[in-house]
Amino acid sequence: MILDGTRVREKRIELLREEIDESDLAPRLATVIVGNDPASELYVRMKHAACEQVHIGSVGITLPGSATTAEVVREVTALNHDPDISGILVQLPLPPQIDTLQVIESVSPAKDVDGFHPENLGRLFSGHPVFAPCTPLGIMNLLDEYGFDPAGMHAVVVGRSIEVGRPMGALLLSRDATVTTCHSKTRDLAAVTSQADLLVVAIGRARFVGPSMVKAGAVVIDVGTNRVDGVLCGDVDFDRVKDRASAITPVPGGVGPMTIATLMENTFLAAKRSLCPDAG
């Protein structure tokens, strides 16, 4: 089974647009980008296009690549105090001279639709999330759409980043999976991954996971985005693994579309919570 994130995204986007149109709210997303990295610019354009699709207003702030931490924080602080802004997204990665953690901490937790603020991560890891990071939450939504319940599964997450690996483990644990997190220091990685009922791979190494690393019948989620000879591919060797797995996400068209759909859902949630903090 191919887990089609594009199809699920379109379904969720349509439902979200109807919900927004029926509400009395005017959600608005602000993006902040520093410099002119082509990949970051592309991602921001995609996010603004999604906003237009679901009738969320959007504003983009672009700062020069030479910007300081203080300058970025100043822009974020102004957005925090703008009552017309529901959610704030600072496009990562930031240039090396900027203190990324300080910038993330400057975003109001109530507008942190990326889910990276320490307060939101703390709520996630305590089992009471408000805003969860969009990629792992999008993966959970994709699994739910296809009827895969993580409860009782042995889930192996390859990667421990704060953007994907760590929150992915927390979300799966909250859904009663038994979670193993692997990383660069894991010994005999293949022995661990081949035990997984659910394998989530987010390590940034093109086609790294082959069939010998996958349990027969496993559900495989590929978070990787790599370019090899001009071709986009994931961290999983899709062509060799797809016949061994019971279900697998393609790259492109798997996790990526779900990430953007979830960002839109988080932004609408932020708009609802701005009026009623207990809104879910």
Protein backbone atom coordinates (compact mmCIF):
# COMPACT_ATOMS: atom_id res chain seq x y z
CA MET A 1 0.00 0.00 0.00
CA ILE A 2 1.29 3.42 -0.97
CA LEU A 3 0.46 6.01 1.69
CA ASP A 4 -0.52 8.91 -0.55
CA GLY A 5 0.13 12.10 1.40
CA THR A 6 -0.94 14.28 -1.51
CA ARG A 7 -4.39 12.72 -1.66
CA VAL A 8 -4.86 12.92 2.11
CA ARG A 9 -3.61 16.51 2.13
CA GLU A 10 -6.21 17.55 -0.44
CA LYS A 11 -8.95 15.88 1.58
CA ARG A 12 -7.91 17.58 4.81
CA ILE A 13 -7.34 20.94 3.12
CA GLU A 14 -10.85 20.88 1.66
CA LEU A 15 -12.39 20.07 5.04
CA LEU A 16 -10.31 22.78 6.72
CA ARG A 17 -11.32 25.38 4.13
CA GLU A 18 -14.99 24.60 4.77
CA GLU A 19 -14.47 24.86 8.52
CA ILE A 20 -12.69 28.21 8.20
CA ASP A 21 -15.35 29.58 5.87
CA GLU A 22 -18.09 28.57 8.31
CA SER A 23 -16.31 30.17 11.26
CA ASP A 24 -16.32 33.85 12.17
CA LEU A 25 -12.53 33.81 12.35
CA ALA A 26 -9.90 35.34 10.09
CA PRO A 27 -6.77 33.28 10.75
CA ARG A 28 -3.51 34.78 9.51
CA LEU A 29 -0.04 33.25 9.28
CA ALA A 30 3.19 35.25 9.31
CA THR A 31 6.39 33.76 7.95
CA VAL A 32 9.86 35.06 8.69
CA ILE A 33 12.73 34.11 6.40
CA VAL A 34 16.33 35.25 6.70
CA GLY A 35 18.51 35.33 3.59
CA ASN A 36 17.79 33.92 0.16
CA ASP A 37 18.34 30.18 0.43
CA PRO A 38 16.47 28.72 -2.59
CA ALA A 39 15.11 25.72 -0.70
CA SER A 40 13.81 27.89 2.15
CA GLU A 41 12.26 30.33 -0.30
CA LEU A 42 10.49 27.44 -2.07
CA TYR A 43 9.11 26.07 1.20
CA VAL A 44 7.82 29.49 2.23
CA ARG A 45 6.11 29.98 -1.14
CA MET A 46 4.43 26.60 -0.75
CA LYS A 47 3.16 27.57 2.70
CA HIS A 48 1.73 30.85 1.43
CA ALA A 49 0.06 29.02 -1.47
CA ALA A 50 -1.53 26.61 1.01
CA CYS A 51 -2.78 29.56 3.06
CA GLU A 52 -4.50 30.94 -0.02
CA GLN A 53 -6.04 27.55 -0.73
CA VAL A 54 -7.69 27.28 2.71
CA HIS A 55 -8.55 31.00 3.00
CA ILE A 56 -5.96 31.79 5.67
CA GLY A 57 -4.44 35.23 5.32
CA SER A 58 -0.66 35.40 5.18
CA VAL A 59 2.16 37.88 5.39
CA GLY A 60 5.81 37.26 4.59
CA ILE A 61 8.73 39.03 6.21
CA THR A 62 12.13 38.69 4.56
CA LEU A 63 15.31 39.79 6.31
CA PRO A 64 18.77 39.98 4.73
CA GLY A 65 21.19 37.11 5.22
CA SER A 66 23.36 39.44 7.30
CA ALA A 67 20.59 40.00 9.90
CA THR A 68 21.49 39.66 13.57
CA THR A 69 19.70 37.65 16.23
CA ALA A 70 18.39 40.89 17.74
CA GLU A 71 16.91 41.99 14.42
CA VAL A 72 15.08 38.71 13.92
CA VAL A 73 13.82 38.71 17.51
CA ARG A 74 12.56 42.29 17.02
CA GLU A 75 10.47 41.22 14.03
CA VAL A 76 9.09 38.21 15.87
CA THR A 77 8.23 40.30 18.91
CA ALA A 78 6.26 42.75 16.75
CA LEU A 79 4.29 39.82 15.30
CA ASN A 80 3.64 38.49 18.82
CA HIS A 81 1.92 41.78 19.66
CA ASP A 82 -0.05 42.02 16.40
CA PRO A 83 -3.62 40.90 17.16
CA ASP A 84 -4.26 40.17 13.47
CA ILE A 85 -1.56 37.46 13.39
CA SER A 86 -2.70 33.99 14.52
CA GLY A 87 0.48 32.04 13.90
CA ILE A 88 4.18 32.70 13.37
CA LEU A 89 6.58 30.49 11.45
CA VAL A 90 10.31 31.21 11.38
CA GLN A 91 11.76 29.33 8.42
CA LEU A 92 14.69 27.12 9.44
CA PRO A 93 17.60 26.78 9.12
CA LEU A 94 18.73 30.28 10.03
CA PRO A 95 22.14 31.67 9.03
CA PRO A 96 25.01 30.60 11.32
CA GLN A 97 25.43 33.99 13.01
CA ILE A 98 21.89 33.80 14.42
CA ASP A 99 21.08 32.10 17.73
CA THR A 100 18.32 29.79 16.52
CA LEU A 101 17.18 28.78 20.01
CA GLN A 102 16.84 32.41 21.09
CA VAL A 103 14.71 33.13 18.03
CA ILE A 104 12.49 30.09 18.63
CA GLU A 105 12.06 31.08 22.28
CA SER A 106 11.04 34.58 21.21
CA VAL A 107 7.92 33.28 19.44
CA SER A 108 4.83 33.46 21.62
CA PRO A 109 3.84 29.87 22.56
CA ALA A 110 0.25 30.81 21.65
CA LYS A 111 1.36 31.61 18.07
CA ASP A 112 4.00 28.88 17.75
CA VAL A 113 2.29 26.90 14.98
CA ASP A 114 5.57 25.09 14.23
CA GLY A 115 5.47 23.59 17.73
CA PHE A 116 9.16 24.22 18.48
CA HIS A 117 8.90 26.55 21.48
CA PRO A 118 10.16 24.84 24.67
CA GLU A 119 6.77 25.35 26.32
CA ASN A 120 4.97 23.52 23.51
CA LEU A 121 7.58 20.78 23.39
CA GLY A 122 7.27 20.41 27.15
CA ARG A 123 3.52 20.01 26.85
CA LEU A 124 4.04 17.44 24.09
CA PHE A 125 6.51 15.39 26.09
CA SER A 126 4.30 15.54 29.18
CA GLY A 127 1.46 14.07 27.13
CA HIS A 128 -0.66 17.23 26.92
CA PRO A 129 0.21 18.82 23.56
CA VAL A 130 -1.28 22.01 22.18
CA PHE A 131 0.88 22.63 19.11
CA ALA A 132 2.98 19.65 17.97
CA PRO A 133 5.64 19.99 15.26
CA CYS A 134 3.97 19.72 11.87
CA THR A 135 5.93 16.86 10.31
CA PRO A 136 5.48 14.27 13.09
CA LEU A 137 1.87 15.34 13.68
CA GLY A 138 1.26 15.10 9.93
CA ILE A 139 2.63 11.55 10.02
CA MET A 140 0.22 10.65 12.81
CA ASN A 141 -2.66 12.10 10.77
CA LEU A 142 -1.56 10.10 7.73
CA LEU A 143 -1.45 6.87 9.75
CA ASP A 144 -4.93 7.61 11.11
CA GLU A 145 -6.32 8.30 7.62
CA TYR A 146 -5.16 4.85 6.50
CA GLY A 147 -6.35 3.11 9.65
CA PHE A 148 -2.99 2.25 11.19
CA ASP A 149 -3.28 2.32 14.99
CA PRO A 150 0.18 2.56 16.63
CA ALA A 151 -1.10 1.02 19.89
CA GLY A 152 0.95 -2.06 20.72
CA MET A 153 3.28 -1.60 17.73
CA HIS A 154 7.04 -1.57 18.12
CA ALA A 155 7.84 1.77 16.52
CA VAL A 156 11.43 2.55 15.61
CA VAL A 157 12.32 6.17 14.85
CA VAL A 158 15.64 6.70 13.08
CA GLY A 159 16.74 10.24 13.89
CA ARG A 160 16.57 12.34 17.06
CA SER A 161 16.12 15.90 15.80
CA ILE A 162 13.84 18.27 17.68
CA GLU A 163 11.96 18.88 14.42
CA VAL A 164 11.06 15.23 13.74
CA GLY A 165 12.70 12.41 15.69
CA ARG A 166 12.09 13.40 19.30
CA PRO A 167 8.51 14.70 18.92
CA MET A 168 7.70 11.71 16.69
CA GLY A 169 8.64 9.40 19.53
CA ALA A 170 6.54 11.39 22.00
CA LEU A 171 3.46 11.32 19.77
CA LEU A 172 3.79 7.58 19.20
CA LEU A 173 4.31 6.94 22.92
CA SER A 174 1.14 8.91 23.67
CA ARG A 175 -0.69 6.57 21.29
CA ASP A 176 0.55 3.49 23.18
CA ALA A 177 3.32 2.39 20.82
CA THR A 178 6.53 0.92 22.22
CA VAL A 179 9.13 3.36 20.92
CA THR A 180 12.82 2.94 20.15
CA THR A 181 14.80 5.97 19.00
CA CYS A 182 17.93 5.33 16.93
CA HIS A 183 20.68 7.78 16.02
CA SER A 184 24.27 8.02 14.81
CA LYS A 185 25.61 6.20 17.90
CA THR A 186 23.17 3.28 17.72
CA ARG A 187 25.02 -0.02 17.50
CA ASP A 188 23.93 -2.49 14.80
CA LEU A 189 21.23 -0.20 13.46
CA ALA A 190 19.87 -2.80 11.05
CA ALA A 191 19.23 -5.23 13.91
CA VAL A 192 17.04 -2.61 15.59
CA THR A 193 15.17 -1.34 12.53
CA SER A 194 14.40 -4.86 11.35
CA GLN A 195 12.35 -5.40 14.53
CA ALA A 196 10.04 -2.45 13.80
CA ASP A 197 6.35 -2.87 13.07
CA LEU A 198 6.40 0.85 12.26
CA LEU A 199 9.63 2.38 10.95
CA VAL A 200 10.02 6.16 10.70
CA VAL A 201 13.23 7.29 8.98
CA ALA A 202 14.49 10.87 9.26
CA ILE A 203 18.27 10.93 8.94
CA GLY A 204 18.98 12.83 5.72
CA ARG A 205 20.91 10.05 3.94
CA ALA A 206 19.65 9.21 0.50
CA ARG A 207 18.26 5.68 0.05
CA PHE A 208 20.06 4.58 3.22
CA VAL A 209 17.44 2.08 4.41
CA GLY A 210 17.31 -1.04 2.27
CA PRO A 211 15.18 -4.19 2.49
CA SER A 212 17.56 -5.95 4.91
CA MET A 213 16.81 -3.22 7.47
CA VAL A 214 13.03 -3.63 7.24
CA LYS A 215 10.83 -6.25 8.87
CA ALA A 216 8.52 -8.05 6.45
CA GLY A 217 5.10 -6.40 6.59
CA ALA A 218 6.30 -3.26 8.36
CA VAL A 219 4.77 0.18 7.84
CA VAL A 220 7.56 2.45 6.58
CA ILE A 221 7.44 6.25 6.84
CA ASP A 222 10.14 8.09 4.91
CA VAL A 223 10.74 11.66 6.08
CA GLY A 224 13.90 12.19 4.04
CA THR A 225 14.23 14.72 1.24
CA ASN A 226 17.44 14.28 -0.75
CA ARG A 227 18.48 15.13 -4.28
CA VAL A 228 20.60 12.60 -6.16
CA ASP A 229 21.57 13.42 -9.76
CA GLY A 230 18.74 15.95 -9.84
CA VAL A 231 16.16 13.40 -8.67
CA LEU A 232 14.28 13.82 -5.38
CA CYS A 233 14.45 10.75 -3.16
CA GLY A 234 14.01 9.78 0.45
CA ASP A 235 16.09 8.11 3.14
CA VAL A 236 14.51 4.76 2.20
CA ASP A 237 15.39 2.90 -0.98
CA PHE A 238 11.75 2.93 -2.11
CA ASP A 239 12.01 0.63 -5.12
CA ARG A 240 13.74 -2.12 -3.11
CA VAL A 241 11.73 -1.76 0.10
CA LYS A 242 8.17 -1.31 -1.22
CA ASP A 243 7.63 -5.02 -1.86
CA ARG A 244 8.81 -5.93 1.64
CA ALA A 245 6.72 -3.36 3.50
CA SER A 246 2.96 -3.61 3.96
CA ALA A 247 2.69 0.17 3.53
CA ILE A 248 5.19 2.89 2.60
CA THR A 249 5.28 6.62 1.90
CA PRO A 250 6.76 7.80 -1.40
CA VAL A 251 9.15 10.73 -1.83
CA PRO A 252 7.85 13.08 -3.06
CA GLY A 253 4.15 12.85 -2.27
CA GLY A 254 4.21 11.24 1.15
CA VAL A 255 5.12 13.09 4.32
CA GLY A 256 5.80 16.52 2.76
CA PRO A 257 2.22 17.37 1.77
CA MET A 258 1.02 16.31 5.24
CA THR A 259 3.46 18.72 6.90
CA ILE A 260 1.96 21.72 5.11
CA ALA A 261 -1.62 20.58 5.72
CA THR A 262 -0.84 20.26 9.42
CA LEU A 263 0.67 23.75 9.49
CA MET A 264 -2.62 25.09 8.15
CA GLU A 265 -4.56 23.13 10.79
CA ASN A 266 -2.28 24.42 13.55
CA THR A 267 -2.78 28.00 12.34
CA PHE A 268 -6.55 27.66 12.48
CA LEU A 269 -6.23 26.09 15.94
CA ALA A 270 -4.18 29.12 17.04
CA ALA A 271 -6.92 31.44 15.77
CA LYS A 272 -9.56 29.50 17.70
CA ARG A 273 -7.46 29.45 20.87
CA SER A 274 -6.92 33.21 20.66
CA LEU A 275 -10.64 33.57 21.44
CA CYS A 276 -11.02 30.48 23.59
CA PRO A 277 -7.79 29.09 25.09
CA ASP A 278 -9.45 25.72 25.74
CA ALA A 279 -10.35 25.21 22.06
CA GLY A 280 -9.00 21.98 20.63
